[in-house]
N, C-alpha and C. Protein backbone atom coordinates (compact mmCIF):
# COMPACT_ATOMS: atom_id res chain seq x y z
N MET A 1 15.16 -30.47 33.55
CA MET A 1 15.92 -29.50 34.48
C MET A 1 16.69 -28.37 33.63
N GLY A 2 16.51 -28.40 32.40
CA GLY A 2 17.26 -27.23 31.57
C GLY A 2 18.70 -27.49 31.34
N LEU A 3 19.32 -28.66 31.55
CA LEU A 3 20.55 -29.00 31.51
C LEU A 3 21.12 -29.01 29.90
N LEU A 4 20.19 -29.54 29.15
CA LEU A 4 20.61 -29.54 27.79
C LEU A 4 20.43 -28.10 27.09
N ASP A 5 19.29 -27.48 27.52
CA ASP A 5 19.25 -25.96 26.89
C ASP A 5 20.50 -25.20 27.22
N LYS A 6 20.84 -25.24 28.53
CA LYS A 6 22.16 -24.52 29.04
C LYS A 6 23.39 -25.18 28.22
N ALA A 7 23.46 -26.30 28.02
CA ALA A 7 24.62 -26.99 27.38
C ALA A 7 24.78 -26.53 25.81
N THR A 8 23.61 -26.31 25.26
CA THR A 8 23.57 -25.83 23.90
C THR A 8 24.20 -24.44 23.88
N GLU A 9 23.74 -23.64 24.83
CA GLU A 9 24.26 -22.20 24.86
C GLU A 9 25.75 -22.35 25.10
N ILE A 10 26.11 -23.03 26.12
CA ILE A 10 27.63 -22.95 26.32
C ILE A 10 28.57 -23.48 25.08
N TYR A 11 27.86 -24.71 24.53
CA TYR A 11 28.57 -25.02 23.30
C TYR A 11 28.72 -23.99 22.18
N SER A 12 27.68 -23.25 22.04
CA SER A 12 27.65 -22.13 21.00
C SER A 12 28.70 -21.07 21.31
N GLU A 13 28.73 -20.67 22.47
CA GLU A 13 29.53 -19.56 23.10
C GLU A 13 30.95 -19.89 23.24
N LEU A 14 31.36 -21.05 23.92
CA LEU A 14 32.50 -21.48 24.38
C LEU A 14 33.24 -22.61 23.85
N GLY A 15 32.42 -23.58 23.03
CA GLY A 15 32.90 -24.65 22.41
C GLY A 15 32.72 -26.08 23.01
N GLU A 16 33.38 -27.02 22.49
CA GLU A 16 33.30 -28.51 22.99
C GLU A 16 33.94 -28.80 24.30
N ARG A 17 35.08 -28.09 24.60
CA ARG A 17 35.66 -28.53 25.79
C ARG A 17 35.01 -27.97 26.98
N ALA A 18 34.41 -26.83 26.84
CA ALA A 18 33.69 -26.20 27.84
C ALA A 18 32.29 -26.97 28.30
N VAL A 19 31.66 -27.47 27.17
CA VAL A 19 30.39 -27.99 27.26
C VAL A 19 30.49 -29.47 27.83
N VAL A 20 31.50 -30.21 27.54
CA VAL A 20 31.83 -31.45 28.09
C VAL A 20 32.00 -31.25 29.61
N SER A 21 32.84 -30.20 29.96
CA SER A 21 33.06 -29.89 31.51
C SER A 21 31.75 -29.60 32.17
N TYR A 22 30.88 -28.93 31.47
CA TYR A 22 29.77 -28.43 32.03
C TYR A 22 28.83 -29.72 32.43
N ILE A 23 28.62 -30.31 31.38
CA ILE A 23 27.57 -31.76 31.45
C ILE A 23 28.35 -32.46 32.68
N ARG A 24 29.60 -32.75 32.65
CA ARG A 24 30.11 -33.82 33.68
C ARG A 24 29.96 -33.24 34.96
N ALA A 25 30.14 -31.98 35.18
CA ALA A 25 30.07 -31.36 36.55
C ALA A 25 28.77 -31.04 37.00
N SER A 26 27.74 -30.58 36.15
CA SER A 26 26.59 -30.13 36.50
C SER A 26 25.60 -31.08 37.14
N TYR A 27 25.54 -32.42 36.80
CA TYR A 27 24.67 -33.35 37.55
C TYR A 27 25.27 -33.68 38.88
N ARG A 28 26.54 -33.56 38.95
CA ARG A 28 27.25 -33.81 40.35
C ARG A 28 26.69 -32.77 41.30
N LEU A 29 26.79 -31.53 40.82
CA LEU A 29 26.29 -30.27 41.55
C LEU A 29 24.73 -30.43 42.00
N LEU A 30 23.96 -30.71 41.08
CA LEU A 30 22.48 -30.91 41.14
C LEU A 30 22.27 -31.99 42.11
N SER A 31 22.96 -33.00 42.13
CA SER A 31 22.80 -34.12 43.09
C SER A 31 22.89 -33.65 44.55
N LYS A 32 23.87 -32.66 44.79
CA LYS A 32 23.95 -32.21 46.13
C LYS A 32 22.71 -31.16 46.26
N VAL A 33 22.56 -30.41 45.50
CA VAL A 33 21.39 -29.48 45.66
C VAL A 33 20.01 -30.02 46.02
N TYR A 34 19.88 -31.24 45.32
CA TYR A 34 18.50 -31.97 45.41
C TYR A 34 18.52 -33.11 46.37
N HIS A 35 19.58 -33.16 47.23
CA HIS A 35 19.84 -34.12 48.18
C HIS A 35 18.65 -34.20 49.03
N PRO A 36 17.88 -35.32 49.43
CA PRO A 36 16.85 -35.30 50.25
C PRO A 36 17.08 -34.70 51.70
N ASP A 37 18.30 -35.02 52.28
CA ASP A 37 18.72 -34.49 53.57
C ASP A 37 18.75 -32.88 53.62
N LEU A 38 18.82 -32.32 52.52
CA LEU A 38 18.99 -30.83 52.46
C LEU A 38 17.58 -30.35 52.10
N ASN A 39 16.55 -31.17 51.73
CA ASN A 39 15.14 -30.59 51.46
C ASN A 39 14.12 -31.38 52.36
N PRO A 40 14.23 -31.33 53.65
CA PRO A 40 13.27 -32.16 54.62
C PRO A 40 11.90 -31.69 54.37
N LYS A 41 11.52 -30.61 53.96
CA LYS A 41 10.04 -30.10 53.71
C LYS A 41 9.60 -30.71 52.42
N ASN A 42 10.54 -31.07 51.47
CA ASN A 42 10.20 -31.60 50.11
C ASN A 42 10.88 -32.74 49.94
N ARG A 43 11.04 -33.60 51.01
CA ARG A 43 11.69 -34.98 50.75
C ARG A 43 11.35 -35.84 49.84
N THR A 44 10.00 -35.91 49.60
CA THR A 44 9.56 -36.96 48.49
C THR A 44 9.94 -36.49 47.05
N LYS A 45 9.67 -35.11 46.87
CA LYS A 45 10.01 -34.65 45.55
C LYS A 45 11.55 -34.81 45.35
N ALA A 46 12.24 -34.41 46.42
CA ALA A 46 13.77 -34.37 46.25
C ALA A 46 14.33 -35.82 46.08
N GLU A 47 13.78 -36.84 46.57
CA GLU A 47 14.15 -38.26 46.36
C GLU A 47 13.75 -38.57 44.94
N MET A 48 12.68 -38.24 44.43
CA MET A 48 12.38 -38.44 42.97
C MET A 48 13.41 -37.92 42.02
N ILE A 49 13.81 -36.60 42.24
CA ILE A 49 14.74 -35.91 41.31
C ILE A 49 16.02 -36.61 41.57
N GLN A 50 16.40 -36.88 42.89
CA GLN A 50 17.71 -37.50 42.96
C GLN A 50 17.94 -38.85 42.29
N GLN A 51 16.72 -39.77 42.11
CA GLN A 51 16.89 -40.87 41.36
C GLN A 51 16.96 -40.50 40.00
N ARG A 52 16.41 -39.58 39.42
CA ARG A 52 16.59 -39.19 38.09
C ARG A 52 18.06 -38.76 37.78
N LEU A 53 18.50 -38.01 38.62
CA LEU A 53 19.92 -37.43 38.59
C LEU A 53 20.92 -38.60 38.75
N ASN A 54 20.58 -39.71 39.51
CA ASN A 54 21.45 -40.86 39.68
C ASN A 54 21.50 -41.62 38.23
N ARG A 55 20.34 -41.69 37.79
CA ARG A 55 20.24 -42.46 36.33
C ARG A 55 21.11 -41.58 35.37
N LEU A 56 20.73 -40.28 35.30
CA LEU A 56 21.55 -39.45 34.32
C LEU A 56 23.04 -39.69 34.67
N GLY A 57 23.50 -39.63 35.90
CA GLY A 57 24.90 -39.74 36.07
C GLY A 57 25.46 -41.01 35.74
N ARG A 58 24.81 -42.17 35.69
CA ARG A 58 25.19 -43.37 35.19
C ARG A 58 25.40 -43.36 33.69
N VAL A 59 24.49 -42.75 33.01
CA VAL A 59 24.60 -42.66 31.73
C VAL A 59 25.63 -41.75 31.09
N ILE A 60 25.84 -40.66 31.71
CA ILE A 60 27.02 -39.68 31.44
C ILE A 60 28.26 -40.32 31.77
N SER A 61 28.46 -41.13 32.64
CA SER A 61 29.80 -41.59 33.01
C SER A 61 30.09 -42.69 32.00
N GLN A 62 29.20 -43.29 31.38
CA GLN A 62 29.29 -44.20 30.44
C GLN A 62 29.69 -43.66 29.01
N MET A 63 29.42 -42.41 28.89
CA MET A 63 29.48 -41.81 27.37
C MET A 63 30.83 -41.17 27.30
N LYS A 64 31.40 -41.25 25.98
CA LYS A 64 32.55 -40.62 25.63
C LYS A 64 32.45 -39.09 25.32
N ASP A 65 33.39 -38.35 25.43
CA ASP A 65 33.24 -36.93 25.11
C ASP A 65 32.66 -36.71 23.79
N SER A 66 33.15 -37.51 22.84
CA SER A 66 32.65 -37.32 21.50
C SER A 66 31.07 -37.38 21.42
N GLU A 67 30.70 -38.50 22.20
CA GLU A 67 29.15 -38.79 22.27
C GLU A 67 28.41 -37.67 22.86
N LEU A 68 29.06 -37.09 23.86
CA LEU A 68 28.26 -36.00 24.62
C LEU A 68 28.14 -34.79 23.62
N ILE A 69 29.19 -34.40 22.86
CA ILE A 69 29.29 -33.40 21.99
C ILE A 69 28.12 -33.59 20.83
N GLU A 70 28.14 -34.88 20.37
CA GLU A 70 27.13 -35.18 19.33
C GLU A 70 25.69 -34.89 19.89
N LEU A 71 25.38 -35.44 21.26
CA LEU A 71 24.19 -35.17 21.71
C LEU A 71 23.82 -33.75 21.80
N VAL A 72 24.86 -32.75 22.18
CA VAL A 72 24.44 -31.41 22.20
C VAL A 72 24.25 -30.78 20.86
N GLN A 73 25.08 -31.34 19.89
CA GLN A 73 24.87 -30.85 18.62
C GLN A 73 23.43 -31.10 18.03
N LYS A 74 23.00 -32.39 18.18
CA LYS A 74 21.59 -32.78 18.01
C LYS A 74 20.67 -31.91 18.48
N ALA A 75 20.81 -31.63 19.86
CA ALA A 75 19.88 -30.66 20.64
C ALA A 75 19.90 -29.21 19.88
N SER A 76 21.20 -28.80 19.54
CA SER A 76 21.16 -27.52 19.15
C SER A 76 20.51 -27.32 17.86
N ARG A 77 20.64 -28.35 16.99
CA ARG A 77 19.91 -28.25 15.69
C ARG A 77 18.25 -28.30 15.91
N LYS A 78 17.80 -29.12 16.87
CA LYS A 78 16.38 -29.01 17.27
C LYS A 78 15.87 -27.69 17.78
N GLN A 79 16.77 -27.09 18.50
CA GLN A 79 16.60 -25.86 19.11
C GLN A 79 16.55 -24.73 18.03
N ILE A 80 17.17 -24.82 17.07
CA ILE A 80 17.07 -23.91 15.98
C ILE A 80 15.75 -23.95 15.38
N LYS A 81 15.14 -25.07 15.20
CA LYS A 81 13.84 -25.01 14.56
C LYS A 81 12.77 -24.58 15.38
N ARG A 82 13.06 -24.55 16.83
CA ARG A 82 12.06 -24.21 17.80
C ARG A 82 11.91 -22.70 17.98
N LYS A 83 12.99 -21.98 18.15
CA LYS A 83 13.05 -20.69 18.43
C LYS A 83 13.81 -19.74 17.53
N LYS A 84 13.39 -18.56 17.29
CA LYS A 84 14.12 -17.51 16.59
C LYS A 84 15.31 -17.05 17.48
N LYS A 85 16.52 -16.95 16.71
CA LYS A 85 17.71 -16.69 17.50
C LYS A 85 18.16 -15.16 17.31
N ILE A 86 18.55 -14.48 18.45
CA ILE A 86 19.25 -13.31 18.49
C ILE A 86 20.55 -13.08 18.86
N LEU A 87 21.48 -12.54 18.22
CA LEU A 87 22.73 -12.29 18.85
C LEU A 87 22.89 -10.85 19.39
N VAL A 88 23.01 -10.64 20.65
CA VAL A 88 23.22 -9.34 21.03
C VAL A 88 24.69 -8.91 21.16
N VAL A 89 25.02 -7.88 20.74
CA VAL A 89 26.54 -7.46 20.76
C VAL A 89 26.49 -6.08 21.35
N GLU A 90 27.14 -5.98 22.62
CA GLU A 90 26.97 -4.77 23.46
C GLU A 90 28.32 -4.83 24.38
N ASP A 91 28.88 -3.70 24.47
CA ASP A 91 30.16 -3.77 25.34
C ASP A 91 29.87 -3.35 26.74
N GLU A 92 28.64 -2.74 27.06
CA GLU A 92 28.28 -2.52 28.30
C GLU A 92 27.64 -3.71 29.08
N SER A 93 28.35 -4.18 30.22
CA SER A 93 27.86 -5.55 30.70
C SER A 93 26.53 -5.35 31.34
N SER A 94 26.03 -4.19 31.81
CA SER A 94 24.69 -4.25 32.40
C SER A 94 23.73 -4.21 31.27
N LEU A 95 24.01 -3.58 30.06
CA LEU A 95 22.94 -3.68 29.02
C LEU A 95 22.96 -5.15 28.23
N GLN A 96 24.12 -5.67 28.46
CA GLN A 96 24.33 -7.09 27.96
C GLN A 96 23.41 -8.00 28.66
N GLU A 97 23.45 -7.85 29.78
CA GLU A 97 22.63 -8.82 30.84
C GLU A 97 21.12 -8.49 30.61
N LEU A 98 20.67 -7.15 30.47
CA LEU A 98 19.33 -6.81 30.24
C LEU A 98 18.77 -7.31 29.16
N PHE A 99 19.43 -6.98 27.95
CA PHE A 99 18.86 -7.43 26.72
C PHE A 99 18.86 -8.97 26.74
N HIS A 100 19.88 -9.66 27.13
CA HIS A 100 19.92 -11.17 27.26
C HIS A 100 18.67 -11.67 27.96
N ASP A 101 18.51 -11.18 29.09
CA ASP A 101 17.23 -11.59 29.98
C ASP A 101 16.05 -11.26 29.38
N VAL A 102 15.74 -10.05 28.84
CA VAL A 102 14.43 -9.64 28.41
C VAL A 102 14.28 -10.54 27.16
N PHE A 103 15.29 -10.74 26.04
CA PHE A 103 14.88 -11.46 24.95
C PHE A 103 14.52 -12.92 25.21
N LEU A 104 15.31 -13.29 26.27
CA LEU A 104 15.14 -14.82 26.75
C LEU A 104 13.79 -15.10 27.37
N MET A 105 13.26 -14.02 28.07
CA MET A 105 12.03 -14.08 28.69
C MET A 105 10.83 -14.14 27.49
N GLU A 106 11.20 -13.44 26.52
CA GLU A 106 10.35 -13.39 25.38
C GLU A 106 10.28 -14.66 24.52
N GLY A 107 11.16 -15.70 24.85
CA GLY A 107 11.14 -16.95 24.05
C GLY A 107 12.29 -16.99 22.96
N TYR A 108 12.99 -16.06 22.96
CA TYR A 108 14.09 -16.13 21.91
C TYR A 108 15.32 -16.98 22.41
N ASP A 109 16.07 -17.45 21.52
CA ASP A 109 17.28 -18.13 21.78
C ASP A 109 18.29 -17.05 21.64
N VAL A 110 19.12 -16.71 22.80
CA VAL A 110 19.89 -15.47 22.73
C VAL A 110 21.30 -15.87 23.21
N ARG A 111 22.25 -15.13 22.44
CA ARG A 111 23.73 -15.28 22.69
C ARG A 111 24.12 -13.77 22.94
N VAL A 112 25.24 -13.55 23.64
CA VAL A 112 25.75 -12.22 23.70
C VAL A 112 27.33 -12.24 23.56
N ALA A 113 27.64 -11.00 23.07
CA ALA A 113 29.13 -10.81 22.89
C ALA A 113 29.57 -9.39 23.24
N ALA A 114 30.72 -9.10 23.69
CA ALA A 114 31.20 -7.89 24.24
C ALA A 114 31.85 -6.91 23.25
N ASP A 115 32.19 -7.38 22.08
CA ASP A 115 32.65 -6.75 21.07
C ASP A 115 32.43 -7.31 19.71
N GLY A 116 32.81 -6.62 18.61
CA GLY A 116 32.47 -7.12 17.24
C GLY A 116 33.27 -8.54 16.99
N HIS A 117 34.62 -8.45 17.43
CA HIS A 117 35.28 -9.70 17.10
C HIS A 117 34.71 -11.02 17.72
N ILE A 118 34.48 -10.94 19.09
CA ILE A 118 33.67 -11.99 19.63
C ILE A 118 32.35 -12.16 18.95
N GLY A 119 31.77 -11.27 18.58
CA GLY A 119 30.32 -11.20 18.07
C GLY A 119 30.37 -12.01 16.75
N TYR A 120 31.44 -11.69 15.90
CA TYR A 120 31.54 -12.44 14.65
C TYR A 120 31.75 -14.07 14.73
N ARG A 121 32.61 -14.25 15.88
CA ARG A 121 32.96 -15.67 16.01
C ARG A 121 31.58 -16.31 16.37
N ILE A 122 30.97 -15.66 17.25
CA ILE A 122 29.72 -16.43 17.87
C ILE A 122 28.58 -16.39 16.60
N TYR A 123 28.52 -15.50 15.83
CA TYR A 123 27.65 -15.41 14.68
C TYR A 123 27.84 -16.80 13.87
N ARG A 124 29.14 -17.04 13.52
CA ARG A 124 29.41 -18.06 12.61
C ARG A 124 29.01 -19.40 13.35
N GLN A 125 29.11 -19.54 14.46
CA GLN A 125 28.60 -20.77 15.30
C GLN A 125 27.16 -20.92 15.46
N PHE A 126 26.65 -19.70 15.85
CA PHE A 126 25.16 -19.56 16.28
C PHE A 126 24.30 -19.47 15.23
N ASP A 127 24.73 -18.67 14.03
CA ASP A 127 23.78 -18.41 12.84
C ASP A 127 22.49 -17.82 13.27
N PRO A 128 22.47 -16.64 13.95
CA PRO A 128 21.20 -16.23 14.43
C PRO A 128 20.25 -15.47 13.24
N ASP A 129 19.00 -15.22 13.66
CA ASP A 129 18.06 -14.72 12.74
C ASP A 129 18.20 -13.24 12.70
N LEU A 130 18.69 -12.58 13.83
CA LEU A 130 18.88 -11.21 13.98
C LEU A 130 20.06 -10.79 14.79
N VAL A 131 20.73 -9.90 14.37
CA VAL A 131 21.81 -9.27 15.01
C VAL A 131 21.36 -7.96 15.65
N PHE A 132 21.51 -7.71 17.17
CA PHE A 132 21.06 -6.66 17.68
C PHE A 132 22.38 -5.98 18.29
N THR A 133 23.05 -5.04 17.65
CA THR A 133 24.25 -4.70 17.90
C THR A 133 24.49 -3.01 18.18
N ASP A 134 25.44 -2.90 19.27
CA ASP A 134 25.75 -1.36 19.35
C ASP A 134 26.54 -1.06 18.35
N VAL A 135 26.65 0.45 18.11
CA VAL A 135 27.34 0.86 16.83
C VAL A 135 28.83 1.09 17.36
N ILE A 136 29.05 1.80 18.53
CA ILE A 136 30.27 1.99 18.92
C ILE A 136 30.88 1.26 20.00
N MET A 137 31.84 0.47 19.56
CA MET A 137 32.27 -0.53 20.48
C MET A 137 33.79 -0.59 20.29
N PRO A 138 34.66 -1.25 21.24
CA PRO A 138 36.12 -1.29 21.14
C PRO A 138 36.42 -2.38 20.11
N LYS A 139 37.64 -2.44 19.59
CA LYS A 139 38.01 -3.39 18.72
C LYS A 139 37.51 -3.48 17.32
N MET A 140 36.06 -3.66 17.36
CA MET A 140 35.29 -3.65 16.08
C MET A 140 33.94 -3.02 16.28
N SER A 141 33.70 -2.08 15.59
CA SER A 141 32.40 -1.29 15.60
C SER A 141 31.30 -2.09 15.20
N GLY A 142 30.04 -1.92 15.44
CA GLY A 142 28.92 -2.67 15.05
C GLY A 142 28.81 -2.59 13.48
N LEU A 143 29.18 -1.39 12.84
CA LEU A 143 29.23 -1.31 11.41
C LEU A 143 30.20 -2.23 10.79
N GLU A 144 31.45 -2.23 11.35
CA GLU A 144 32.42 -3.35 10.77
C GLU A 144 31.89 -4.72 11.02
N LEU A 145 31.39 -4.99 12.09
CA LEU A 145 30.71 -6.47 12.28
C LEU A 145 29.73 -6.59 11.29
N VAL A 146 28.74 -5.83 11.05
CA VAL A 146 27.66 -6.17 10.21
C VAL A 146 28.28 -6.21 8.82
N GLY A 147 29.21 -5.48 8.38
CA GLY A 147 29.82 -5.57 7.03
C GLY A 147 30.43 -6.89 6.99
N ASN A 148 31.16 -7.57 7.90
CA ASN A 148 31.71 -8.84 7.75
C ASN A 148 30.80 -10.04 7.72
N ILE A 149 29.58 -9.92 8.43
CA ILE A 149 28.63 -10.84 8.60
C ILE A 149 27.90 -10.70 7.06
N ARG A 150 27.56 -9.57 6.52
CA ARG A 150 27.10 -9.40 5.27
C ARG A 150 27.74 -10.10 4.03
N ARG A 151 29.06 -10.43 4.26
CA ARG A 151 29.84 -11.09 3.25
C ARG A 151 29.50 -12.49 3.35
N VAL A 152 29.00 -13.12 4.61
CA VAL A 152 28.58 -14.49 4.72
C VAL A 152 27.06 -14.60 4.46
N ASN A 153 26.28 -13.74 4.93
CA ASN A 153 24.85 -13.71 4.79
C ASN A 153 24.39 -12.21 4.42
N PRO A 154 24.12 -12.04 3.21
CA PRO A 154 23.67 -10.64 2.70
C PRO A 154 22.23 -10.29 3.18
N ARG A 155 21.36 -11.29 3.67
CA ARG A 155 20.13 -11.00 4.23
C ARG A 155 19.98 -10.84 5.55
N ILE A 156 21.06 -10.89 6.23
CA ILE A 156 21.03 -10.79 7.80
C ILE A 156 20.02 -9.62 8.11
N LYS A 157 19.29 -9.92 9.22
CA LYS A 157 18.40 -8.83 9.83
C LYS A 157 19.32 -8.20 10.84
N VAL A 158 19.34 -6.76 10.89
CA VAL A 158 20.14 -6.16 11.87
C VAL A 158 19.28 -5.07 12.63
N VAL A 159 19.56 -4.79 13.82
CA VAL A 159 18.94 -3.71 14.61
C VAL A 159 20.21 -3.06 15.24
N TYR A 160 20.39 -1.80 14.81
CA TYR A 160 21.58 -0.94 15.43
C TYR A 160 21.11 -0.31 16.63
N ILE A 161 21.92 -0.08 17.79
CA ILE A 161 21.54 0.63 18.80
C ILE A 161 22.72 1.49 19.28
N SER A 162 22.59 2.63 19.50
CA SER A 162 23.52 3.68 19.93
C SER A 162 23.04 4.79 20.67
N GLY A 163 24.04 5.51 21.26
CA GLY A 163 23.59 6.81 21.96
C GLY A 163 23.98 7.97 21.14
N PHE A 164 25.14 8.83 21.80
CA PHE A 164 25.35 9.91 21.11
C PHE A 164 26.38 9.57 19.84
N LEU A 165 26.10 10.16 18.71
CA LEU A 165 26.99 9.79 17.49
C LEU A 165 27.80 11.15 17.32
N GLY A 166 28.93 11.37 17.77
CA GLY A 166 29.62 12.57 17.70
C GLY A 166 30.36 12.85 16.36
N PHE A 167 30.49 11.81 15.80
CA PHE A 167 31.23 11.84 14.50
C PHE A 167 30.16 11.90 13.20
N GLN A 168 30.21 13.04 12.48
CA GLN A 168 29.26 13.06 11.39
C GLN A 168 29.48 11.99 10.50
N ARG A 169 30.75 11.65 10.19
CA ARG A 169 31.08 10.56 9.15
C ARG A 169 30.34 9.25 9.59
N LEU A 170 30.50 8.97 10.92
CA LEU A 170 29.98 7.75 11.45
C LEU A 170 28.32 7.89 11.30
N LYS A 171 27.83 8.85 11.76
CA LYS A 171 26.32 9.08 11.55
C LYS A 171 25.92 9.06 10.01
N GLN A 172 26.68 9.45 9.26
CA GLN A 172 26.35 9.33 7.60
C GLN A 172 26.45 7.88 7.42
N GLN A 173 27.43 7.15 7.84
CA GLN A 173 27.73 5.86 7.54
C GLN A 173 26.37 4.90 7.85
N LEU A 174 26.00 5.25 9.21
CA LEU A 174 25.00 4.39 9.83
C LEU A 174 23.61 4.72 9.00
N ASP A 175 23.31 6.05 8.72
CA ASP A 175 22.17 6.21 7.85
C ASP A 175 22.17 5.73 6.42
N GLY A 176 23.29 5.59 5.93
CA GLY A 176 23.44 4.88 4.66
C GLY A 176 23.29 3.37 4.60
N GLU A 177 23.71 2.77 5.68
CA GLU A 177 23.40 1.27 5.96
C GLU A 177 21.75 1.26 6.03
N ILE A 178 21.26 2.04 6.91
CA ILE A 178 19.78 1.83 7.14
C ILE A 178 18.97 1.87 5.91
N LEU A 179 19.39 3.00 5.07
CA LEU A 179 18.44 3.17 3.85
C LEU A 179 18.76 2.23 2.82
N ARG A 180 20.18 1.87 2.75
CA ARG A 180 20.44 0.70 1.64
C ARG A 180 19.95 -0.57 1.91
N TYR A 181 20.15 -1.14 3.30
CA TYR A 181 19.74 -2.40 3.39
C TYR A 181 18.56 -2.65 4.14
N GLY A 182 17.95 -1.53 4.59
CA GLY A 182 16.44 -1.64 5.43
C GLY A 182 16.72 -1.93 6.80
N TYR A 183 17.82 -1.80 7.52
CA TYR A 183 18.13 -2.23 8.89
C TYR A 183 17.34 -1.27 9.72
N CYS A 184 17.08 -1.68 10.97
CA CYS A 184 16.43 -0.94 12.04
C CYS A 184 17.55 -0.38 12.96
N ALA A 185 16.92 0.71 13.62
CA ALA A 185 17.88 1.49 14.64
C ALA A 185 17.12 1.84 15.79
N LEU A 186 17.79 1.93 16.91
CA LEU A 186 17.21 2.37 18.12
C LEU A 186 18.20 3.22 18.83
N SER A 187 17.69 4.61 19.30
CA SER A 187 18.62 5.38 19.92
C SER A 187 18.33 5.32 21.50
N LYS A 188 19.51 5.22 22.16
CA LYS A 188 19.60 5.08 23.67
C LYS A 188 19.23 6.43 24.26
N PRO A 189 18.56 6.56 25.28
CA PRO A 189 17.80 5.57 25.92
C PRO A 189 16.49 5.19 25.31
N PHE A 190 15.87 3.96 25.21
CA PHE A 190 14.82 3.65 24.62
C PHE A 190 14.07 2.68 25.48
N LYS A 191 12.68 2.62 25.32
CA LYS A 191 11.78 1.83 26.29
C LYS A 191 11.95 0.29 25.68
N ILE A 192 11.92 -0.68 26.67
CA ILE A 192 12.09 -1.94 26.44
C ILE A 192 10.84 -2.45 25.53
N SER A 193 9.77 -1.87 25.92
CA SER A 193 8.53 -2.26 25.25
C SER A 193 8.65 -1.92 23.68
N SER A 194 9.30 -0.76 23.50
CA SER A 194 9.37 -0.30 22.13
C SER A 194 10.38 -1.22 21.37
N MET A 195 11.46 -1.72 22.09
CA MET A 195 12.43 -2.53 21.47
C MET A 195 11.85 -3.74 21.29
N LEU A 196 11.09 -4.52 22.15
CA LEU A 196 10.46 -5.84 21.78
C LEU A 196 9.48 -5.55 20.64
N GLU A 197 8.68 -4.57 20.59
CA GLU A 197 7.82 -4.58 19.55
C GLU A 197 8.45 -4.22 18.10
N LEU A 198 9.55 -3.54 18.20
CA LEU A 198 10.13 -3.41 16.89
C LEU A 198 10.84 -4.66 16.49
N VAL A 199 11.43 -5.32 17.34
CA VAL A 199 12.06 -6.68 16.96
C VAL A 199 11.02 -7.75 16.62
N ARG A 200 10.07 -7.77 17.28
CA ARG A 200 8.96 -8.68 16.97
C ARG A 200 8.27 -8.54 15.54
N GLU A 201 7.96 -7.29 15.11
CA GLU A 201 7.69 -6.95 13.79
C GLU A 201 8.64 -7.08 12.92
N TYR A 202 9.81 -6.86 13.07
CA TYR A 202 10.92 -6.99 12.27
C TYR A 202 11.19 -8.44 11.90
N MET A 203 11.27 -9.30 12.96
CA MET A 203 11.34 -10.67 12.81
C MET A 203 10.39 -11.32 11.86
N LYS A 204 9.11 -10.94 12.17
CA LYS A 204 8.03 -11.40 11.30
C LYS A 204 7.99 -10.96 9.75
N ASP A 205 8.82 -9.98 9.38
CA ASP A 205 8.89 -9.45 8.23
C ASP A 205 9.88 -10.34 7.17
N GLU A 206 9.24 -11.09 6.32
CA GLU A 206 9.95 -12.15 5.54
C GLU A 206 10.05 -11.67 4.13
N GLN A 207 9.58 -10.44 3.77
CA GLN A 207 9.41 -9.91 2.44
C GLN A 207 10.89 -9.77 1.84
N ASN A 208 10.90 -9.82 0.59
CA ASN A 208 12.21 -9.72 -0.12
C ASN A 208 12.51 -8.31 -0.21
N GLU A 209 11.57 -7.44 -0.28
CA GLU A 209 12.13 -6.08 -0.38
C GLU A 209 12.63 -5.37 0.91
N PRO A 210 13.71 -4.71 0.82
CA PRO A 210 14.29 -4.18 2.30
C PRO A 210 13.47 -3.23 2.91
N ARG A 211 13.37 -3.14 4.21
CA ARG A 211 12.71 -2.29 5.05
C ARG A 211 13.24 -0.87 5.06
N ARG A 212 12.50 0.09 5.22
CA ARG A 212 13.06 1.49 5.49
C ARG A 212 12.54 1.99 6.82
N VAL A 213 13.23 1.49 7.88
CA VAL A 213 12.87 1.78 9.42
C VAL A 213 14.08 2.55 9.93
N ASN A 214 13.86 3.66 10.53
CA ASN A 214 14.88 4.32 11.25
C ASN A 214 14.17 4.97 12.39
N VAL A 215 14.41 4.58 13.67
CA VAL A 215 13.69 5.34 14.66
C VAL A 215 14.67 6.02 15.65
N PHE A 216 15.82 6.42 14.90
CA PHE A 216 16.65 7.45 15.64
C PHE A 216 15.77 8.65 15.83
N ALA A 217 15.92 9.49 16.92
CA ALA A 217 15.44 10.65 17.24
C ALA A 217 15.94 11.88 16.49
C-alpha cells in the first residue's frame, strides 16, 4: 500500500520523529478507510485489506521506535539502489509540486526544498544523483547551494533553472559555472517534455569529462 515508500520520503525530509509518528498513525487511518462497512460494493476486498492492516497493526504495536527507524533506514538503502534520485530546489510552491509530480511519475525518487538552506540539509540526508535548482531564491541562491554541495561532492550533476536574470554579474557567474563544471540549464518557461529529455540524457551521461550544455535562450 505504499506505506514504506512514503515513510522513507518522510524520514529523508523530516527525520526520525516524524517518520515514527507517520507509521504509527497511518495504519489506523487506513483501517478506517478500508473498513468493510464503508465499502459495501467491494466488501470482500475491503475485508482482505482490513485483515492485512490488522496484522500490520499488531506488528507495529510490538516494535520500539528504534526498530521502526531501522526498518525505514533499510528500506531507504534499498530504494537508493532501485531509483535515480532528484532533489528539486524551487521557491515557487506551484512549480515545486509540478516538478515533484512529473519526476515521480517518470520513476525517479524525488525530494523538494523551498530554498537553498533546506535544500542543502536534504541533500546531506538524501544524497541525490541530480540537483534540479532554481537560481534566484531567498536565503540562499541556487549558485550558493551548488557551491556548498560541491565541497561535499565535486561531481554532483546540476540542472539550473531560471527566468529573467536582471543582474549581469549573476548571469556571468551562472555562465561560468556551466562552462567550468558542465552543468545544464533551462530557461523559464520551458516545455516539460524538454525538461524530461534533458534530465534523462544527463543522468545517463557517466563520462569523466564535463559536459558543455547550456539551453538558455
